Amino acid sequence: MIQPHDLLKIKEGNHLIEKENVPEWLSRSISEVRFVVVRRAPIIDGDVPIGIRGKTRTERFGAFIPLSDVTERITPEQLAAAQKWRSHPCYEDFGVFQALNLVESVLQQYQLSWGPTGSVGFELASGQPTITETSDLDIIIRANDMSINIAKEIVSAFEEANVRIDPLVERQDGAISLIEYSKGQPSILLRTTNGPKLINTVPGY
């Protein structure tokens, strides 16, 4: 099942569906890098919501692609399992790669399934250089049940990294920020396919 943050390789001559004016860089990006990322939105009539990346941070575009145009799907968990960052030619240049080692070590202790997303996940999947010296490390953690105490322990361990780690906890009903959840606030933002909403938080929910 296709989920948000999955990376999709799309075939040439695809039937990209745009809902608004198309930027000039879009066709170049699609032709050079055939990978797109799944957005958190409903799949309607077989059309998958995707985000397309350009060469700069400001080049982002949301569109849809028919499922029939997808030739490969790579999940964040598959990227974590492959550990390609260890052999990346720029491993020594970017702190996000060393931070991935820390994340792997920490989350193994809790037996949690996880994977990199954002620019790091995109580069590991596509081979296209997208990471910069100022890149944060975005990750997802699959967990329907997590106590606030465990969330605090994980957030504290991640603070040992030399880069900012931004973890999302992916649940069946959507995603929450691990950092926000660890603060024990009475309510927190839940990101769903139908948009964000506030939910009440109870320790161990």
C-alpha atoms as a PDB file:
ATOM      1  CA  MET A   1       0.000   0.000   0.000  1.00  0.00           C
ATOM      2  CA  ILE A   2       1.384   3.390  -1.024  1.00  0.00           C
ATOM      3  CA  GLN A   3       1.927   5.706   1.948  1.00  0.00           C
ATOM      4  CA  PRO A   4       3.145   9.282   2.530  1.00  0.00           C
ATOM      5  CA  HIS A   5       6.938   9.664   2.178  1.00  0.00           C
ATOM      6  CA  ASP A   6       7.243   6.687  -0.190  1.00  0.00           C
ATOM      7  CA  LEU A   7       9.476   7.454  -3.168  1.00  0.00           C
ATOM      8  CA  LEU A   8       8.070   6.499  -6.543  1.00  0.00           C
ATOM      9  CA  LYS A   9       9.918   6.074  -9.800  1.00  0.00           C
ATOM     10  CA  ILE A  10       7.685   7.030 -12.709  1.00  0.00           C
ATOM     11  CA  LYS A  11       7.983   5.961 -16.309  1.00  0.00           C
ATOM     12  CA  GLU A  12       8.867   8.219 -19.211  1.00  0.00           C
ATOM     13  CA  GLY A  13       5.908   9.650 -21.059  1.00  0.00           C
ATOM     14  CA  ASN A  14       3.966   9.703 -17.809  1.00  0.00           C
ATOM     15  CA  HIS A  15       0.510  11.220 -17.483  1.00  0.00           C
ATOM     16  CA  LEU A  16       1.268  13.858 -14.872  1.00  0.00           C
ATOM     17  CA  ILE A  17      -1.866  15.582 -13.609  1.00  0.00           C
ATOM     18  CA  GLU A  18      -1.365  19.204 -12.538  1.00  0.00           C
ATOM     19  CA  LYS A  19      -3.969  21.178 -10.634  1.00  0.00           C
ATOM     20  CA  GLU A  20      -2.381  24.604 -11.119  1.00  0.00           C
ATOM     21  CA  ASN A  21       0.094  26.544 -13.263  1.00  0.00           C
ATOM     22  CA  VAL A  22       3.177  24.479 -14.001  1.00  0.00           C
ATOM     23  CA  PRO A  23       6.585  26.050 -13.206  1.00  0.00           C
ATOM     24  CA  GLU A  24       9.258  26.161 -15.893  1.00  0.00           C
ATOM     25  CA  TRP A  25      11.635  23.827 -14.035  1.00  0.00           C
ATOM     26  CA  LEU A  26       9.116  20.992 -13.709  1.00  0.00           C
ATOM     27  CA  SER A  27       9.610  19.230 -17.043  1.00  0.00           C
ATOM     28  CA  ARG A  28      13.392  19.398 -16.683  1.00  0.00           C
ATOM     29  CA  SER A  29      13.243  17.903 -13.216  1.00  0.00           C
ATOM     30  CA  ILE A  30      10.918  15.075 -14.263  1.00  0.00           C
ATOM     31  CA  SER A  31      13.101  14.189 -17.241  1.00  0.00           C
ATOM     32  CA  GLU A  32      16.353  14.246 -15.251  1.00  0.00           C
ATOM     33  CA  VAL A  33      15.155  12.531 -12.067  1.00  0.00           C
ATOM     34  CA  ARG A  34      12.234  10.197 -12.395  1.00  0.00           C
ATOM     35  CA  PHE A  35      11.590  10.012  -8.655  1.00  0.00           C
ATOM     36  CA  VAL A  36       8.758  11.769  -6.830  1.00  0.00           C
ATOM     37  CA  VAL A  37       7.585  11.605  -3.220  1.00  0.00           C
ATOM     38  CA  VAL A  38       4.089  10.660  -2.058  1.00  0.00           C
ATOM     39  CA  ARG A  39       2.261  13.541  -0.382  1.00  0.00           C
ATOM     40  CA  ARG A  40      -0.132  13.182   2.556  1.00  0.00           C
ATOM     41  CA  ALA A  41      -3.400  13.462   0.658  1.00  0.00           C
ATOM     42  CA  PRO A  42      -6.104  11.042  -0.529  1.00  0.00           C
ATOM     43  CA  ILE A  43      -5.543   8.763  -3.515  1.00  0.00           C
ATOM     44  CA  ILE A  44      -8.534   9.497  -5.746  1.00  0.00           C
ATOM     45  CA  ASP A  45      -9.575   7.205  -8.612  1.00  0.00           C
ATOM     46  CA  GLY A  46      -6.095   5.693  -8.745  1.00  0.00           C
ATOM     47  CA  ASP A  47      -4.333   9.070  -8.922  1.00  0.00           C
ATOM     48  CA  VAL A  48      -1.519   9.306  -6.370  1.00  0.00           C
ATOM     49  CA  PRO A  49      -0.702  12.700  -4.779  1.00  0.00           C
ATOM     50  CA  ILE A  50       2.983  13.439  -5.307  1.00  0.00           C
ATOM     51  CA  GLY A  51       5.541  16.127  -4.633  1.00  0.00           C
ATOM     52  CA  ILE A  52       8.151  16.979  -7.241  1.00  0.00           C
ATOM     53  CA  ARG A  53      11.530  18.404  -6.248  1.00  0.00           C
ATOM     54  CA  GLY A  54      13.662  20.763  -8.285  1.00  0.00           C
ATOM     55  CA  LYS A  55      17.291  21.698  -7.761  1.00  0.00           C
ATOM     56  CA  THR A  56      16.632  24.326  -5.072  1.00  0.00           C
ATOM     57  CA  ARG A  57      14.633  24.438  -1.837  1.00  0.00           C
ATOM     58  CA  THR A  58      12.103  26.785  -3.438  1.00  0.00           C
ATOM     59  CA  GLU A  59      11.411  24.397  -6.314  1.00  0.00           C
ATOM     60  CA  ARG A  60       8.593  22.210  -5.014  1.00  0.00           C
ATOM     61  CA  PHE A  61       5.391  21.307  -6.825  1.00  0.00           C
ATOM     62  CA  GLY A  62       2.375  19.186  -5.933  1.00  0.00           C
ATOM     63  CA  ALA A  63       0.628  17.099  -8.577  1.00  0.00           C
ATOM     64  CA  PHE A  64      -0.925  13.674  -9.145  1.00  0.00           C
ATOM     65  CA  ILE A  65       0.239  10.647 -11.115  1.00  0.00           C
ATOM     66  CA  PRO A  66      -1.797   7.605 -12.206  1.00  0.00           C
ATOM     67  CA  LEU A  67      -0.783   4.498 -10.291  1.00  0.00           C
ATOM     68  CA  SER A  68      -0.214   2.793 -13.644  1.00  0.00           C
ATOM     69  CA  ASP A  69       2.710   5.162 -14.317  1.00  0.00           C
ATOM     70  CA  VAL A  70       4.621   4.015 -11.234  1.00  0.00           C
ATOM     71  CA  THR A  71       7.457   1.600 -12.043  1.00  0.00           C
ATOM     72  CA  GLU A  72       9.102   1.328  -8.620  1.00  0.00           C
ATOM     73  CA  ARG A  73       8.260   2.117  -5.000  1.00  0.00           C
ATOM     74  CA  ILE A  74      10.886   2.637  -2.301  1.00  0.00           C
ATOM     75  CA  THR A  75       9.822   3.036   1.313  1.00  0.00           C
ATOM     76  CA  PRO A  76      11.766   4.892   4.013  1.00  0.00           C
ATOM     77  CA  GLU A  77      12.170   1.560   5.819  1.00  0.00           C
ATOM     78  CA  GLN A  78      13.836   0.042   2.755  1.00  0.00           C
ATOM     79  CA  LEU A  79      16.290   2.940   2.678  1.00  0.00           C
ATOM     80  CA  ALA A  80      17.135   2.355   6.338  1.00  0.00           C
ATOM     81  CA  ALA A  81      17.637  -1.369   5.768  1.00  0.00           C
ATOM     82  CA  ALA A  82      19.902  -0.796   2.738  1.00  0.00           C
ATOM     83  CA  GLN A  83      22.214   1.537   4.717  1.00  0.00           C
ATOM     84  CA  LYS A  84      23.531   3.102   1.519  1.00  0.00           C
ATOM     85  CA  TRP A  85      24.592   6.218   3.393  1.00  0.00           C
ATOM     86  CA  ARG A  86      27.547   4.274   4.826  1.00  0.00           C
ATOM     87  CA  SER A  87      29.087   3.922   1.355  1.00  0.00           C
ATOM     88  CA  HIS A  88      27.968   7.315   0.026  1.00  0.00           C
ATOM     89  CA  PRO A  89      30.905   9.182  -1.587  1.00  0.00           C
ATOM     90  CA  CYS A  90      30.036  12.270   0.507  1.00  0.00           C
ATOM     91  CA  TYR A  91      29.662  10.384   3.777  1.00  0.00           C
ATOM     92  CA  GLU A  92      32.387  12.397   5.500  1.00  0.00           C
ATOM     93  CA  ASP A  93      31.060  15.717   4.177  1.00  0.00           C
ATOM     94  CA  PHE A  94      27.539  15.721   5.597  1.00  0.00           C
ATOM     95  CA  GLY A  95      26.588  15.350   9.240  1.00  0.00           C
ATOM     96  CA  VAL A  96      23.205  13.887   8.320  1.00  0.00           C
ATOM     97  CA  PHE A  97      24.916  10.646   7.297  1.00  0.00           C
ATOM     98  CA  GLN A  98      26.646  10.252  10.656  1.00  0.00           C
ATOM     99  CA  ALA A  99      23.341  11.134  12.315  1.00  0.00           C
ATOM    100  CA  LEU A 100      21.699   8.222  10.520  1.00  0.00           C
ATOM    101  CA  ASN A 101      24.058   5.888  12.368  1.00  0.00           C
ATOM    102  CA  LEU A 102      22.905   7.400  15.656  1.00  0.00           C
ATOM    103  CA  VAL A 103      19.237   7.084  14.707  1.00  0.00           C
ATOM    104  CA  GLU A 104      19.698   3.452  13.730  1.00  0.00           C
ATOM    105  CA  SER A 105      21.463   2.659  17.009  1.00  0.00           C
ATOM    106  CA  VAL A 106      18.847   4.403  19.165  1.00  0.00           C
ATOM    107  CA  LEU A 107      15.758   2.995  17.470  1.00  0.00           C
ATOM    108  CA  GLN A 108      17.147  -0.548  17.419  1.00  0.00           C
ATOM    109  CA  GLN A 109      17.062  -0.440  21.208  1.00  0.00           C
ATOM    110  CA  TYR A 110      13.309   0.106  21.079  1.00  0.00           C
ATOM    111  CA  GLN A 111      12.774  -2.289  18.148  1.00  0.00           C
ATOM    112  CA  LEU A 112      11.084   0.453  16.138  1.00  0.00           C
ATOM    113  CA  SER A 113      10.714   0.482  12.370  1.00  0.00           C
ATOM    114  CA  TRP A 114      11.993   3.714  10.819  1.00  0.00           C
ATOM    115  CA  GLY A 115      13.416   5.345   7.738  1.00  0.00           C
ATOM    116  CA  PRO A 116      14.842   8.608   6.360  1.00  0.00           C
ATOM    117  CA  THR A 117      12.645  11.040   4.441  1.00  0.00           C
ATOM    118  CA  GLY A 118      13.114  14.571   3.082  1.00  0.00           C
ATOM    119  CA  SER A 119      16.259  15.455   1.144  1.00  0.00           C
ATOM    120  CA  VAL A 120      18.229  12.577   2.668  1.00  0.00           C
ATOM    121  CA  GLY A 121      15.689   9.948   1.697  1.00  0.00           C
ATOM    122  CA  PHE A 122      15.332  11.455  -1.770  1.00  0.00           C
ATOM    123  CA  GLU A 123      19.073  11.395  -2.439  1.00  0.00           C
ATOM    124  CA  LEU A 124      19.514   7.849  -1.140  1.00  0.00           C
ATOM    125  CA  ALA A 125      16.693   6.614  -3.383  1.00  0.00           C
ATOM    126  CA  SER A 126      17.319   8.610  -6.543  1.00  0.00           C
ATOM    127  CA  GLY A 127      21.070   9.247  -6.454  1.00  0.00           C
ATOM    128  CA  GLN A 128      20.335  12.897  -7.227  1.00  0.00           C
ATOM    129  CA  PRO A 129      22.358  15.319  -5.033  1.00  0.00           C
ATOM    130  CA  THR A 130      19.843  17.106  -2.805  1.00  0.00           C
ATOM    131  CA  ILE A 131      21.610  17.237   0.582  1.00  0.00           C
ATOM    132  CA  THR A 132      23.411  20.408   1.637  1.00  0.00           C
ATOM    133  CA  GLU A 133      25.609  21.285   4.595  1.00  0.00           C
ATOM    134  CA  THR A 134      22.583  22.827   6.332  1.00  0.00           C
ATOM    135  CA  SER A 135      20.190  19.925   5.724  1.00  0.00           C
ATOM    136  CA  ASP A 136      18.190  18.581   8.652  1.00  0.00           C
ATOM    137  CA  LEU A 137      17.607  14.859   9.035  1.00  0.00           C
ATOM    138  CA  ASP A 138      13.920  14.043   8.584  1.00  0.00           C
ATOM    139  CA  ILE A 139      12.845  10.556   9.638  1.00  0.00           C
ATOM    140  CA  ILE A 140       9.647   8.636  10.241  1.00  0.00           C
ATOM    141  CA  ILE A 141       9.067   6.117  13.019  1.00  0.00           C
ATOM    142  CA  ARG A 142       6.247   3.583  12.738  1.00  0.00           C
ATOM    143  CA  ALA A 143       4.532   3.315  16.107  1.00  0.00           C
ATOM    144  CA  ASN A 144       0.861   3.230  17.044  1.00  0.00           C
ATOM    145  CA  ASP A 145       1.644   3.009  20.755  1.00  0.00           C
ATOM    146  CA  MET A 146       4.448   4.967  22.355  1.00  0.00           C
ATOM    147  CA  SER A 147       4.631   6.332  25.880  1.00  0.00           C
ATOM    148  CA  ILE A 148       5.680   9.911  26.461  1.00  0.00           C
ATOM    149  CA  ASN A 149       8.603   8.629  28.540  1.00  0.00           C
ATOM    150  CA  ILE A 150       9.972   6.643  25.596  1.00  0.00           C
ATOM    151  CA  ALA A 151       9.430   9.646  23.325  1.00  0.00           C
ATOM    152  CA  LYS A 152      11.462  11.783  25.743  1.00  0.00           C
ATOM    153  CA  GLU A 153      14.260   9.202  25.824  1.00  0.00           C
ATOM    154  CA  ILE A 154      14.473   9.062  22.033  1.00  0.00           C
ATOM    155  CA  VAL A 155      14.393  12.846  21.612  1.00  0.00           C
ATOM    156  CA  SER A 156      17.114  13.212  24.255  1.00  0.00           C
ATOM    157  CA  ALA A 157      19.301  10.617  22.512  1.00  0.00           C
ATOM    158  CA  PHE A 158      18.837  12.356  19.143  1.00  0.00           C
ATOM    159  CA  GLU A 159      20.127  15.604  20.628  1.00  0.00           C
ATOM    160  CA  GLU A 160      23.600  14.035  20.623  1.00  0.00           C
ATOM    161  CA  ALA A 161      23.690  14.456  16.829  1.00  0.00           C
ATOM    162  CA  ASN A 162      25.574  17.311  15.171  1.00  0.00           C
ATOM    163  CA  VAL A 163      22.537  18.072  12.998  1.00  0.00           C
ATOM    164  CA  ARG A 164      18.882  18.663  13.776  1.00  0.00           C
ATOM    165  CA  ILE A 165      16.833  15.469  13.674  1.00  0.00           C
ATOM    166  CA  ASP A 166      13.124  15.942  12.993  1.00  0.00           C
ATOM    167  CA  PRO A 167      11.212  12.706  13.689  1.00  0.00           C
ATOM    168  CA  LEU A 168       7.586  12.071  12.754  1.00  0.00           C
ATOM    169  CA  VAL A 169       5.699   9.214  14.382  1.00  0.00           C
ATOM    170  CA  GLU A 170       3.540   7.565  11.729  1.00  0.00           C
ATOM    171  CA  ARG A 171       0.398   5.992  13.185  1.00  0.00           C
ATOM    172  CA  GLN A 172      -2.606   4.383  11.542  1.00  0.00           C
ATOM    173  CA  ASP A 173      -4.589   7.616  11.832  1.00  0.00           C
ATOM    174  CA  GLY A 174      -1.827  10.005  10.741  1.00  0.00           C
ATOM    175  CA  ALA A 175       1.472  11.420  11.936  1.00  0.00           C
ATOM    176  CA  ILE A 176       2.579  13.433  14.958  1.00  0.00           C
ATOM    177  CA  SER A 177       5.810  15.225  15.778  1.00  0.00           C
ATOM    178  CA  LEU A 178       7.847  13.139  18.204  1.00  0.00           C
ATOM    179  CA  ILE A 179       9.400  16.291  19.649  1.00  0.00           C
ATOM    180  CA  GLU A 180       6.003  17.894  20.306  1.00  0.00           C
ATOM    181  CA  TYR A 181       4.568  14.676  21.725  1.00  0.00           C
ATOM    182  CA  SER A 182       7.524  14.274  24.091  1.00  0.00           C
ATOM    183  CA  LYS A 183       6.660  17.615  25.728  1.00  0.00           C
ATOM    184  CA  GLY A 184       3.504  16.124  27.244  1.00  0.00           C
ATOM    185  CA  GLN A 185       1.194  18.849  25.980  1.00  0.00           C
ATOM    186  CA  PRO A 186      -2.565  18.222  26.422  1.00  0.00           C
ATOM    187  CA  SER A 187      -3.177  18.479  22.683  1.00  0.00           C
ATOM    188  CA  ILE A 188      -1.048  17.968  19.606  1.00  0.00           C
ATOM    189  CA  LEU A 189      -1.332  18.326  15.836  1.00  0.00           C
ATOM    190  CA  LEU A 190      -2.151  15.150  13.915  1.00  0.00           C
ATOM    191  CA  ARG A 191      -1.339  15.197  10.208  1.00  0.00           C
ATOM    192  CA  THR A 192      -3.917  13.177   8.273  1.00  0.00           C
ATOM    193  CA  THR A 193      -4.633  12.602   4.591  1.00  0.00           C
ATOM    194  CA  ASN A 194      -7.603  14.947   4.975  1.00  0.00           C
ATOM    195  CA  GLY A 195      -5.593  17.735   6.601  1.00  0.00           C
ATOM    196  CA  PRO A 196      -4.276  18.556  10.082  1.00  0.00           C
ATOM    197  CA  LYS A 197      -6.370  18.364  13.237  1.00  0.00           C
ATOM    198  CA  LEU A 198      -5.803  18.757  16.969  1.00  0.00           C
ATOM    199  CA  ILE A 199      -6.071  15.640  19.107  1.00  0.00           C
ATOM    200  CA  ASN A 200      -5.915  15.100  22.846  1.00  0.00           C
ATOM    201  CA  THR A 201      -2.833  13.288  24.129  1.00  0.00           C
ATOM    202  CA  VAL A 202      -2.814  10.812  26.984  1.00  0.00           C
ATOM    203  CA  PRO A 203       0.388   9.194  28.246  1.00  0.00           C
ATOM    204  CA  GLY A 204       0.837   5.909  26.429  1.00  0.00           C
ATOM    205  CA  TYR A 205      -2.156   6.662  24.191  1.00  0.00           C
END
